[in-house]
Every structure is written in C-alpha cells, then in structure tokens.
Amino acid sequence: MQGDRTKILVESIKRLLRRNAVIHLQKIVNKTHAADLSVVFPSLPLSNQHRLFDMIADVQQKGVLFSELDENTLLNFTENIELDEFVEILENMASDDVADLIGRLPEEKAAAVLEKMEKGSEEVEGLLRYKDDTAGGIMVPDFIALKQNTTARGAIESLQTEHSDVEMPFYLYVVDEYGKLVGVCSLRQLVVVPPETPLKEFMSTDVFSVQTDTDQEEVAKLVARYDILAVPVVNRTNVLEGIVTVDDVIDIFRAEATEDFLKMAGVSGEEFIETKSVIKSMRIRLPWLFASCVGGIFAFFVIGQFEESLTRFTYLAAFIPVIMGMGGNIGTQSSTIVVRGLATGLLDIRDIWSVVFKELAVGFILGIVYGTLIAVVAQFQYNLVAVAASVALAVLCSMSVAALVGSLVPMLFARINIDPAVATGPFVTTSIDIISVFFYFKIATTFLE
C-alpha cells in the first residue's frame, strides 16, 4: 500500500515537472510530507531537486527533508545551496538531527556551518563530541529537568512558559542540586495530584537510564523492552545530559536491522549507500566473497578426493546440488534466527547450549523427513537401495550439522564480542557446503564399495 502510494507520487511529480506545471507542483509539494518527498529526490536530476526544494514554503519541512535524504543525495544536493540558507534551515531543526547531518558533511563545510550558526551551535558541538552510534551521539539535549522541591503547580507553569517547545513533554525528569538524575514523573501524574505536592513525593525513583557511551542498539532494546517514550542519558557521575526519544529508536532499529541483513547476505553495511558506484560496490563485496571463493576451492579438493568414486558411480553427482542446498538453507535459517534473537535481546549468549541443541534437534528431524523424501526419488530413479540409503543419510547429516553450525557459530562470535551477523554470511554457508559434500561422498563410498 505504502509502496504504491510512493510510486504514484514519484510518477506524478515527474509528469508535472515535464509539463512545467508549476502551480500544481507547488500544491503537491506543500501538501506532501517532507519524508515522502525524500523518496522522490534520488530519482530526479539535481536541477529538478532544487526546483522542488525551492517550492517548499515551510522551513521546518526543509529540515525534515534534509534529515530523511540518504548521504549521497544529501551531499550532492547541498553543494549548491547558499550557506546562509543552509544555516537558517539547520537552526530550525532539532539539535540531534543537526548534529547527525553535520557529521555527514565534509569537514570544511561542517566547520563553516558551525561558525555561521547563531542558534544551538553549542548544543550541536556538544553532541558531535560523541560517536554517532552511541546514546550521546543520538540524544536530544532539549529536555525538562526540575528540582525535587518543585510543586506540581510549578512544574505545569514551567511547561507553559520555559519548556513549551520541548520535543518530549510527556516525561519530567527530577534532578538534585548538582543536576544528578534522581527520579521521573509523567505528565499525567502532574494533573492528578494536589497542585502543592512536591515532585519528590510522587516521582518514580526507579528510572531506566543509559550512559553517554552506551551503544545505540542497547538504548533501542531498553526503550522497546519497557515500552517507554524516551530514555534519559547521563554521564559517568549520573548528571542528566539529554534524552533519546522513541522516533530515534525507530530509526535505530531500521538501521541496525538493515545492517544485520546486509551482513547476513555477505555484503557490507554500507552497500545501500554505495550502490550508485560500481567500483565502490565491487570493492565492498570483494573481501566478503573471498571467503566463498576459498570455501569453493576447499570443496573442489574434497570432491577431488572422491574422483574415482565419481568416475565409477557418475549418478552420485546428480544429488550434490540438493544435498548442499538443503544444508545451506537450514544453516542460513538457524543463523538468521539466532542473529536476530541476539540483536533484539530475545536470546542471551548464556543460553548457548539450549539454543544449539534445540536447533540441532530441529535439523535432525527435518533431515529425517527430507532425507526420506529424496531417498524415495533416488530409489525410483536408479532402483538401487545403496544409493537411496546414501542420499538419505547424507541429507540427514548435512541438515543436522548445518543447523548445529548455523546456531553455534553466531553464539560463539557473540561470546567473544564479534558481531554475530558476520558469521551468517559466506563463513557459515561455505563451511556447510564443504561438510555436506564430504559426508555425502564418504557415506556413498562406504555403501557402494
């Protein structure tokens, strides 16, 4: 549904641009959310991108557009924007979005922008001190923090005057005289207690918080686990520095899931960004495919060891693809389940053996089912019990070992602090191919000779 809507929008804008229907374009551009326009931009020439951009009347929507554009499109587009106009747009954006955007700019341009900014430059420079993928790098420095003795009435008045434009007004964080986080209360609590009640009497002291150097994926897991709209970010002395809001968490999950699945496919997490350049895409994939190449060479040598058997029983070659394919598929399934379980927090590395034995049992049972099915086909085709038995046992061994490897390797990688998504690429699939071929020919040779 969303894809069809986007396709219609892209086609409509392209058609109106060809007809130079300025009035209709202005209506569409200013009625369409900037996040939707960001999908249109990469498919347009640079000149048409600027035409659409100039039609956007709301400067805040221009900021949203900047935030949603991919890195290549953003860099190419902003090259020809006047610095004053660029700075004006940034000054109307949230500080965390500005910091993220400036972090993607070339150093010289980033420095020029920061020097030109009059509003919020200190907050942005403060955020740029932290790594992009940490809580400090994605936090919003604009939040509501009140002292413990502030009354409910005083808190409401503060919301109406000093904090009327904060991004997340639903949580009020309570700090002591040193700015250290001591509690939190919700907007609902403020309106149900007597007006003169101090915050310290009804605030919750059980606050879920993260430190500025906490990985963004851990922050996202915390927000998802406890269903909260924002999580406070503190420094090492527990002084409140900012908050991470749920909209940023959604972006984190999307980015992390994309990165994980790209790695599981055996490509870099930068592949989507770099696909416009054939050379860069080739260089990114080259080292990942090297593992597949090496695995293929090992499989070649394994098959070579059984060359005599292949010469005598040529029909054995017919079952190589199905045995390797079944093993590879269940190995990928097992590793995908484990990697996503680890990424979402549903699995813990302490559960390594229970997870591995469960996947091994699943692989064994599926191996019996499909081994029997393929054995029936082999018996029907060649009418040789030894061939059918060899294929059945080979499929059983291949699928069992594949499930074992597919679940064990990511867990071991996670235990030694290596990204487990890496293990589900060429490493798992090529190792399973080698093992499958070896078991198949070893069993077949034993049965037929």
Protein backbone atom coordinates (compact mmCIF):
# COMPACT_ATOMS: atom_id res chain seq x y z
CA MET A 1 0.00 0.00 0.00
CA GLN A 2 2.72 2.47 1.02
CA GLY A 3 4.85 1.37 -1.93
CA ASP A 4 2.01 2.03 -4.40
CA ARG A 5 1.43 5.45 -2.86
CA THR A 6 5.11 6.34 -3.20
CA LYS A 7 5.21 5.12 -6.79
CA ILE A 8 2.17 7.26 -7.70
CA LEU A 9 3.77 10.30 -6.02
CA VAL A 10 7.06 9.85 -7.91
CA GLU A 11 5.33 9.41 -11.26
CA SER A 12 3.01 12.38 -10.65
CA ILE A 13 5.86 14.74 -9.78
CA LYS A 14 7.94 13.61 -12.75
CA ARG A 15 4.99 14.14 -15.09
CA LEU A 16 4.28 17.63 -13.71
CA LEU A 17 7.97 18.53 -13.99
CA ARG A 18 7.98 17.53 -17.66
CA ARG A 19 4.88 19.68 -18.26
CA ASN A 20 6.35 22.53 -16.19
CA ALA A 21 3.09 22.68 -14.23
CA VAL A 22 4.45 24.94 -11.50
CA ILE A 23 1.16 25.69 -9.72
CA HIS A 24 0.19 22.00 -9.45
CA LEU A 25 3.72 21.14 -8.33
CA GLN A 26 3.61 23.72 -5.55
CA LYS A 27 0.31 22.31 -4.29
CA ILE A 28 1.63 18.75 -4.24
CA VAL A 29 4.97 19.69 -2.69
CA ASN A 30 3.40 21.68 0.15
CA LYS A 31 0.72 19.05 0.85
CA THR A 32 3.19 16.17 0.86
CA HIS A 33 5.21 15.40 3.98
CA ALA A 34 8.93 16.01 3.54
CA ALA A 35 9.67 12.39 4.47
CA ASP A 36 7.70 11.31 1.39
CA LEU A 37 9.44 13.89 -0.78
CA SER A 38 12.80 12.45 0.28
CA VAL A 39 11.87 9.24 -1.56
CA VAL A 40 11.26 11.24 -4.75
CA PHE A 41 14.54 13.19 -4.72
CA PRO A 42 17.03 10.37 -5.57
CA SER A 43 15.12 9.61 -8.80
CA LEU A 44 15.30 13.24 -10.03
CA PRO A 45 18.12 15.21 -11.69
CA LEU A 46 19.83 17.73 -9.43
CA SER A 47 18.19 20.69 -11.17
CA ASN A 48 14.70 19.31 -10.54
CA GLN A 49 15.58 18.55 -6.93
CA HIS A 50 16.36 22.23 -6.41
CA ARG A 51 13.14 23.25 -8.17
CA LEU A 52 11.08 21.17 -5.76
CA PHE A 53 13.11 22.32 -2.79
CA ASP A 54 12.51 25.99 -3.61
CA MET A 55 8.76 25.31 -3.68
CA ILE A 56 8.67 24.13 -0.05
CA ALA A 57 7.24 27.04 1.95
CA ASP A 58 7.81 25.69 5.49
CA VAL A 59 11.45 25.92 6.58
CA GLN A 60 10.88 23.13 9.13
CA GLN A 61 9.77 20.78 6.36
CA LYS A 62 13.02 21.57 4.56
CA GLY A 63 14.82 20.43 7.69
CA VAL A 64 12.84 17.19 7.77
CA LEU A 65 13.77 16.64 4.12
CA PHE A 66 17.46 17.05 4.93
CA SER A 67 17.15 14.51 7.76
CA GLU A 68 15.50 11.91 5.54
CA LEU A 69 17.76 12.12 2.47
CA ASP A 70 20.40 9.42 2.04
CA GLU A 71 24.00 10.53 2.35
CA ASN A 72 24.91 10.65 -1.35
CA THR A 73 21.79 12.59 -2.32
CA LEU A 74 22.24 14.99 0.59
CA LEU A 75 25.89 15.76 -0.18
CA ASN A 76 25.24 16.33 -3.88
CA PHE A 77 22.16 18.44 -3.19
CA THR A 78 23.68 20.71 -0.53
CA GLU A 79 26.76 21.55 -2.60
CA ASN A 80 24.86 24.30 -4.44
CA ILE A 81 22.86 25.71 -1.50
CA GLU A 82 23.90 29.09 -0.16
CA LEU A 83 25.48 28.86 3.27
CA ASP A 84 23.08 31.41 4.81
CA GLU A 85 20.04 29.46 3.61
CA PHE A 86 21.55 26.19 4.78
CA VAL A 87 22.23 27.59 8.26
CA GLU A 88 18.72 29.05 8.51
CA ILE A 89 17.24 25.61 7.87
CA LEU A 90 19.54 23.93 10.40
CA GLU A 91 18.65 26.46 13.09
CA ASN A 92 15.02 25.33 12.80
CA MET A 93 15.88 21.65 13.25
CA ALA A 94 16.29 19.62 16.43
CA SER A 95 19.87 19.64 17.73
CA ASP A 96 20.32 15.87 17.43
CA ASP A 97 19.22 15.94 13.77
CA VAL A 98 21.56 18.86 13.08
CA ALA A 99 24.48 17.02 14.67
CA ASP A 100 23.73 13.92 12.59
CA LEU A 101 23.52 15.98 9.40
CA ILE A 102 26.70 17.97 10.07
CA GLY A 103 28.50 14.73 10.86
CA ARG A 104 27.84 13.66 7.25
CA LEU A 105 29.21 16.85 5.70
CA PRO A 106 32.84 17.38 4.60
CA GLU A 107 34.96 18.81 7.41
CA GLU A 108 35.43 22.23 5.82
CA LYS A 109 31.73 22.74 5.18
CA ALA A 110 30.80 21.42 8.64
CA ALA A 111 33.18 23.91 10.26
CA ALA A 112 31.79 26.78 8.17
CA VAL A 113 28.22 25.87 9.11
CA LEU A 114 29.01 25.69 12.85
CA GLU A 115 30.81 29.02 12.72
CA LYS A 116 27.85 30.65 10.95
CA MET A 117 25.18 29.22 13.27
CA GLU A 118 23.98 31.57 15.98
CA LYS A 119 21.27 29.38 17.48
CA GLY A 120 22.05 25.98 19.01
CA SER A 121 25.65 25.71 17.81
CA GLU A 122 26.95 24.94 21.32
CA GLU A 123 24.45 22.10 21.74
CA VAL A 124 25.37 20.69 18.33
CA GLU A 125 29.11 20.86 19.05
CA GLY A 126 28.44 19.11 22.35
CA LEU A 127 26.67 16.26 20.54
CA LEU A 128 29.44 15.98 17.96
CA ARG A 129 31.86 15.04 20.75
CA TYR A 130 30.19 11.64 20.98
CA LYS A 131 30.34 8.78 18.49
CA ASP A 132 27.42 8.60 16.07
CA ASP A 133 26.29 5.17 17.24
CA THR A 134 26.20 5.95 20.98
CA ALA A 135 23.48 7.36 23.23
CA GLY A 136 25.39 10.65 23.44
CA GLY A 137 25.50 10.91 19.65
CA ILE A 138 21.75 10.45 19.16
CA MET A 139 20.38 12.14 22.29
CA VAL A 140 18.31 15.34 22.36
CA PRO A 141 19.84 17.94 24.72
CA ASP A 142 16.47 19.71 24.99
CA PHE A 143 14.51 18.14 27.88
CA ILE A 144 12.57 19.05 31.03
CA ALA A 145 14.56 18.80 34.26
CA LEU A 146 13.17 20.21 37.51
CA LYS A 147 14.35 20.25 41.12
CA GLN A 148 12.88 17.84 43.70
CA ASN A 149 11.10 20.54 45.70
CA THR A 150 9.23 21.93 42.68
CA THR A 151 5.48 21.56 43.16
CA ALA A 152 3.08 20.08 40.63
CA ARG A 153 1.71 23.60 40.03
CA GLY A 154 5.23 24.95 39.46
CA ALA A 155 6.01 22.12 37.05
CA ILE A 156 2.90 22.85 34.98
CA GLU A 157 3.75 26.56 34.90
CA SER A 158 7.28 25.68 33.77
CA LEU A 159 5.83 23.59 30.95
CA GLN A 160 3.68 26.50 29.83
CA THR A 161 6.48 29.06 29.87
CA GLU A 162 10.06 27.78 29.80
CA HIS A 163 9.54 24.37 28.15
CA SER A 164 6.64 24.97 25.77
CA ASP A 165 8.56 23.75 22.69
CA VAL A 166 10.43 20.70 24.00
CA GLU A 167 10.37 17.59 21.81
CA MET A 168 9.25 15.20 24.57
CA PRO A 169 6.95 16.91 27.14
CA PHE A 170 5.45 13.65 28.48
CA TYR A 171 8.25 12.97 30.96
CA LEU A 172 9.59 15.42 33.55
CA TYR A 173 12.97 14.42 34.92
CA VAL A 174 13.78 15.30 38.51
CA VAL A 175 17.35 16.27 39.46
CA ASP A 176 19.10 17.23 42.68
CA GLU A 177 21.02 20.45 43.30
CA TYR A 178 24.01 19.02 41.37
CA GLY A 179 21.97 18.13 38.27
CA LYS A 180 22.07 14.40 39.01
CA LEU A 181 19.07 12.34 37.92
CA VAL A 182 17.01 11.16 40.90
CA GLY A 183 13.55 10.49 39.50
CA VAL A 184 10.96 10.92 36.78
CA CYS A 185 7.26 11.73 36.69
CA SER A 186 4.78 11.67 33.84
CA LEU A 187 2.59 14.46 32.57
CA ARG A 188 -0.48 12.52 33.75
CA GLN A 189 0.79 12.43 37.32
CA LEU A 190 1.10 16.22 37.38
CA VAL A 191 -2.59 16.77 36.76
CA VAL A 192 -3.95 14.17 39.20
CA VAL A 193 -2.04 15.16 42.35
CA PRO A 194 -2.80 18.22 44.53
CA PRO A 195 -1.14 21.33 43.00
CA GLU A 196 1.13 21.98 46.01
CA THR A 197 2.59 18.46 46.12
CA PRO A 198 6.40 18.46 45.62
CA LEU A 199 7.73 16.28 42.81
CA LYS A 200 9.82 14.22 45.24
CA GLU A 201 6.65 12.88 46.88
CA PHE A 202 5.15 11.27 43.80
CA MET A 203 8.05 10.86 41.37
CA SER A 204 9.28 7.39 40.41
CA THR A 205 12.82 6.74 41.62
CA ASP A 206 13.13 3.56 39.52
CA VAL A 207 14.47 5.31 36.41
CA PHE A 208 15.79 3.45 33.38
CA SER A 209 18.78 5.43 32.12
CA VAL A 210 21.83 4.92 29.92
CA GLN A 211 25.27 6.49 29.84
CA THR A 212 26.52 8.69 27.02
CA ASP A 213 28.82 5.96 25.66
CA THR A 214 26.13 3.23 25.62
CA ASP A 215 25.72 1.65 22.17
CA GLN A 216 22.61 2.88 20.36
CA GLU A 217 21.35 -0.67 19.86
CA GLU A 218 21.31 -1.23 23.63
CA VAL A 219 19.35 2.03 24.03
CA ALA A 220 16.79 0.85 21.48
CA LYS A 221 16.41 -2.50 23.26
CA LEU A 222 15.77 -0.72 26.57
CA VAL A 223 13.06 1.50 25.10
CA ALA A 224 11.40 -1.47 23.38
CA ARG A 225 11.59 -3.72 26.45
CA TYR A 226 9.95 -1.29 28.85
CA ASP A 227 7.61 0.49 26.36
CA ILE A 228 8.79 3.98 27.26
CA LEU A 229 8.70 7.03 25.01
CA ALA A 230 12.15 8.30 25.97
CA VAL A 231 15.17 7.23 27.97
CA PRO A 232 17.39 9.70 29.87
CA VAL A 233 21.12 9.85 29.07
CA VAL A 234 23.53 10.54 31.94
CA ASN A 235 27.30 10.93 32.20
CA ARG A 236 29.55 8.86 34.45
CA THR A 237 28.58 10.95 37.50
CA ASN A 238 24.84 10.48 36.79
CA VAL A 239 24.34 14.10 35.66
CA LEU A 240 21.49 14.31 33.14
CA GLU A 241 22.83 15.23 29.68
CA GLY A 242 19.90 14.54 27.36
CA ILE A 243 17.22 12.07 26.28
CA VAL A 244 16.77 9.58 23.44
CA THR A 245 13.24 9.67 22.08
CA VAL A 246 11.19 6.88 20.54
CA ASP A 247 11.38 8.33 17.00
CA ASP A 248 15.16 7.97 17.13
CA VAL A 249 14.75 4.41 18.42
CA ILE A 250 12.66 3.52 15.37
CA ASP A 251 15.44 4.82 13.12
CA ILE A 252 17.97 2.78 15.11
CA PHE A 253 16.01 -0.46 14.71
CA ARG A 254 15.64 0.16 10.99
CA ALA A 255 19.33 0.94 10.53
CA GLU A 256 20.54 -1.96 12.69
CA ALA A 257 18.18 -4.45 11.02
CA THR A 258 19.32 -3.28 7.58
CA GLU A 259 22.97 -3.59 8.58
CA ASP A 260 22.46 -7.07 10.04
CA PHE A 261 20.63 -8.41 7.00
CA LEU A 262 23.22 -6.94 4.64
CA LYS A 263 25.95 -8.68 6.61
CA MET A 264 23.99 -11.93 6.63
CA ALA A 265 23.80 -11.63 2.84
CA GLY A 266 27.58 -11.30 2.80
CA VAL A 267 27.90 -7.60 1.96
CA SER A 268 28.94 -4.52 3.89
CA GLY A 269 26.54 -2.42 5.92
CA GLU A 270 27.40 0.44 3.55
CA GLU A 271 26.12 -1.34 0.45
CA PHE A 272 22.89 0.65 0.06
CA ILE A 273 24.79 3.92 0.32
CA GLU A 274 27.41 2.91 -2.20
CA THR A 275 25.30 1.19 -4.85
CA LYS A 276 25.48 4.19 -7.17
CA SER A 277 29.17 3.49 -7.79
CA VAL A 278 30.01 0.17 -9.48
CA ILE A 279 33.68 0.35 -8.44
CA LYS A 280 32.88 1.07 -4.78
CA SER A 281 30.26 -1.69 -4.66
CA MET A 282 32.78 -4.10 -6.16
CA ARG A 283 35.43 -3.16 -3.60
CA ILE A 284 32.95 -3.57 -0.73
CA ARG A 285 31.87 -7.05 -1.82
CA LEU A 286 35.34 -8.28 -2.80
CA PRO A 287 36.62 -9.29 0.69
CA TRP A 288 33.31 -10.86 1.69
CA LEU A 289 33.19 -13.04 -1.43
CA PHE A 290 36.79 -14.12 -0.86
CA ALA A 291 35.55 -16.42 1.91
CA SER A 292 33.13 -18.03 -0.58
CA CYS A 293 35.95 -18.42 -3.08
CA VAL A 294 38.20 -20.12 -0.54
CA GLY A 295 35.34 -22.37 0.54
CA GLY A 296 34.68 -23.33 -3.06
CA ILE A 297 38.33 -24.26 -3.53
CA PHE A 298 38.21 -26.47 -0.43
CA ALA A 299 35.04 -28.14 -1.74
CA PHE A 300 36.86 -28.73 -5.04
CA PHE A 301 39.66 -30.56 -3.23
CA VAL A 302 37.16 -32.57 -1.18
CA ILE A 303 35.34 -33.70 -4.32
CA GLY A 304 38.72 -34.42 -5.94
CA GLN A 305 39.49 -36.94 -3.18
CA PHE A 306 36.49 -38.97 -4.36
CA GLU A 307 37.18 -38.63 -8.10
CA GLU A 308 37.48 -42.37 -8.52
CA SER A 309 34.09 -42.95 -6.91
CA LEU A 310 32.54 -40.31 -9.17
CA THR A 311 34.04 -41.99 -12.23
CA ARG A 312 32.58 -45.35 -11.25
CA PHE A 313 29.24 -44.05 -9.95
CA THR A 314 28.50 -40.99 -12.06
CA TYR A 315 24.92 -40.79 -10.80
CA LEU A 316 26.25 -39.60 -7.43
CA ALA A 317 26.86 -36.16 -8.97
CA ALA A 318 23.13 -35.70 -9.55
CA PHE A 319 22.44 -35.34 -5.81
CA ILE A 320 25.24 -32.90 -4.94
CA PRO A 321 23.12 -29.73 -5.52
CA VAL A 322 20.15 -30.88 -3.44
CA ILE A 323 22.31 -32.05 -0.52
CA MET A 324 24.35 -28.84 -0.45
CA GLY A 325 21.21 -26.74 -0.98
CA MET A 326 19.24 -28.33 1.86
CA GLY A 327 22.18 -27.96 4.24
CA GLY A 328 22.82 -24.37 3.20
CA ASN A 329 19.17 -23.40 3.59
CA ILE A 330 18.69 -24.77 7.09
CA GLY A 331 22.08 -23.37 8.13
CA THR A 332 21.01 -19.90 6.97
CA GLN A 333 17.64 -20.27 8.71
CA SER A 334 19.24 -21.25 12.01
CA SER A 335 21.84 -18.49 11.88
CA THR A 336 19.23 -15.87 10.93
CA ILE A 337 17.02 -16.85 13.88
CA VAL A 338 19.96 -16.73 16.29
CA VAL A 339 21.37 -13.43 15.00
CA ARG A 340 18.00 -11.67 15.16
CA GLY A 341 17.36 -13.18 18.59
CA LEU A 342 20.68 -11.81 19.84
CA ALA A 343 20.08 -8.43 18.19
CA THR A 344 16.61 -7.99 19.72
CA GLY A 345 17.59 -9.34 23.13
CA LEU A 346 15.28 -12.38 22.92
CA LEU A 347 18.31 -14.66 23.13
CA ASP A 348 21.21 -14.46 25.53
CA ILE A 349 24.65 -15.94 24.97
CA ARG A 350 24.26 -17.72 28.32
CA ASP A 351 21.56 -19.83 26.61
CA ILE A 352 24.08 -21.06 24.04
CA TRP A 353 23.72 -24.79 24.63
CA SER A 354 19.94 -24.86 24.94
CA VAL A 355 19.67 -22.89 21.67
CA VAL A 356 22.21 -25.07 19.87
CA PHE A 357 20.62 -28.36 20.99
CA LYS A 358 17.17 -27.11 20.02
CA GLU A 359 18.33 -26.16 16.51
CA LEU A 360 20.23 -29.46 16.24
CA ALA A 361 17.04 -31.35 17.11
CA VAL A 362 15.08 -29.36 14.52
CA GLY A 363 17.75 -30.03 11.88
CA PHE A 364 17.80 -33.75 12.74
CA ILE A 365 14.02 -34.14 12.44
CA LEU A 366 13.88 -32.15 9.18
CA GLY A 367 16.81 -34.25 7.94
CA ILE A 368 14.82 -37.44 8.52
CA VAL A 369 11.80 -36.03 6.67
CA TYR A 370 13.65 -34.69 3.63
CA GLY A 371 16.23 -37.48 3.61
CA THR A 372 13.40 -39.98 3.31
CA LEU A 373 11.71 -37.94 0.57
CA ILE A 374 14.88 -37.60 -1.53
CA ALA A 375 15.75 -41.27 -0.93
CA VAL A 376 12.38 -42.27 -2.42
CA VAL A 377 13.19 -40.21 -5.53
CA ALA A 378 16.66 -41.78 -5.73
CA GLN A 379 15.21 -45.29 -5.41
CA PHE A 380 12.59 -44.58 -8.05
CA GLN A 381 15.19 -43.17 -10.46
CA TYR A 382 18.05 -45.69 -10.06
CA ASN A 383 16.40 -48.63 -8.23
CA LEU A 384 19.48 -49.03 -6.02
CA VAL A 385 18.94 -49.33 -2.27
CA ALA A 386 22.56 -48.36 -1.55
CA VAL A 387 22.17 -45.07 -3.45
CA ALA A 388 18.88 -44.25 -1.73
CA ALA A 389 20.36 -45.03 1.70
CA SER A 390 23.47 -42.94 0.95
CA VAL A 391 21.41 -39.93 -0.10
CA ALA A 392 19.09 -40.25 2.92
CA LEU A 393 21.96 -40.40 5.41
CA ALA A 394 23.83 -37.61 3.61
CA VAL A 395 20.81 -35.30 3.79
CA LEU A 396 20.29 -36.20 7.45
CA CYS A 397 23.93 -35.46 8.31
CA SER A 398 24.05 -32.33 6.16
CA MET A 399 20.94 -30.75 7.68
CA SER A 400 21.84 -31.73 11.24
CA VAL A 401 25.38 -30.37 11.02
CA ALA A 402 24.15 -27.25 9.19
CA ALA A 403 21.66 -26.46 11.96
CA LEU A 404 24.42 -27.03 14.52
CA VAL A 405 26.92 -24.77 12.75
CA GLY A 406 24.31 -22.13 11.88
CA SER A 407 23.29 -21.72 15.52
CA LEU A 408 26.64 -22.34 17.24
CA VAL A 409 28.89 -20.01 15.23
CA PRO A 410 26.87 -16.79 15.80
CA MET A 411 26.62 -17.58 19.52
CA LEU A 412 30.38 -18.12 19.74
CA PHE A 413 31.02 -14.90 17.85
CA ALA A 414 28.74 -13.01 20.26
CA ARG A 415 30.55 -14.52 23.24
CA ILE A 416 33.93 -13.20 22.04
CA ASN A 417 32.40 -9.79 21.22
CA ILE A 418 32.46 -10.11 17.43
CA ASP A 419 29.38 -9.00 15.51
CA PRO A 420 27.41 -12.28 15.06
CA ALA A 421 25.84 -11.05 11.82
CA VAL A 422 29.23 -11.52 10.17
CA ALA A 423 29.07 -15.25 10.87
CA THR A 424 25.90 -15.78 8.83
CA GLY A 425 27.46 -14.71 5.56
CA PRO A 426 29.93 -16.71 3.49
CA PHE A 427 31.55 -18.30 6.56
CA VAL A 428 28.54 -20.42 7.52
CA THR A 429 27.32 -21.25 4.01
CA THR A 430 30.73 -22.25 2.62
CA SER A 431 31.64 -24.34 5.66
CA ILE A 432 28.32 -26.16 5.38
CA ASP A 433 28.90 -26.82 1.66
CA ILE A 434 32.28 -28.42 2.41
CA ILE A 435 30.89 -30.54 5.26
CA SER A 436 27.87 -31.63 3.20
CA VAL A 437 29.98 -32.76 0.25
CA PHE A 438 32.41 -34.63 2.50
CA PHE A 439 29.68 -36.51 4.35
CA TYR A 440 27.87 -37.36 1.12
CA PHE A 441 30.84 -38.90 -0.65
CA LYS A 442 32.15 -40.62 2.47
CA ILE A 443 28.79 -42.28 3.10
CA ALA A 444 28.19 -43.11 -0.57
CA THR A 445 31.67 -44.59 -0.98
CA THR A 446 31.20 -46.75 2.14
CA PHE A 447 27.81 -48.05 0.96
CA LEU A 448 28.64 -48.65 -2.70
CA GLU A 449 32.09 -50.23 -2.49
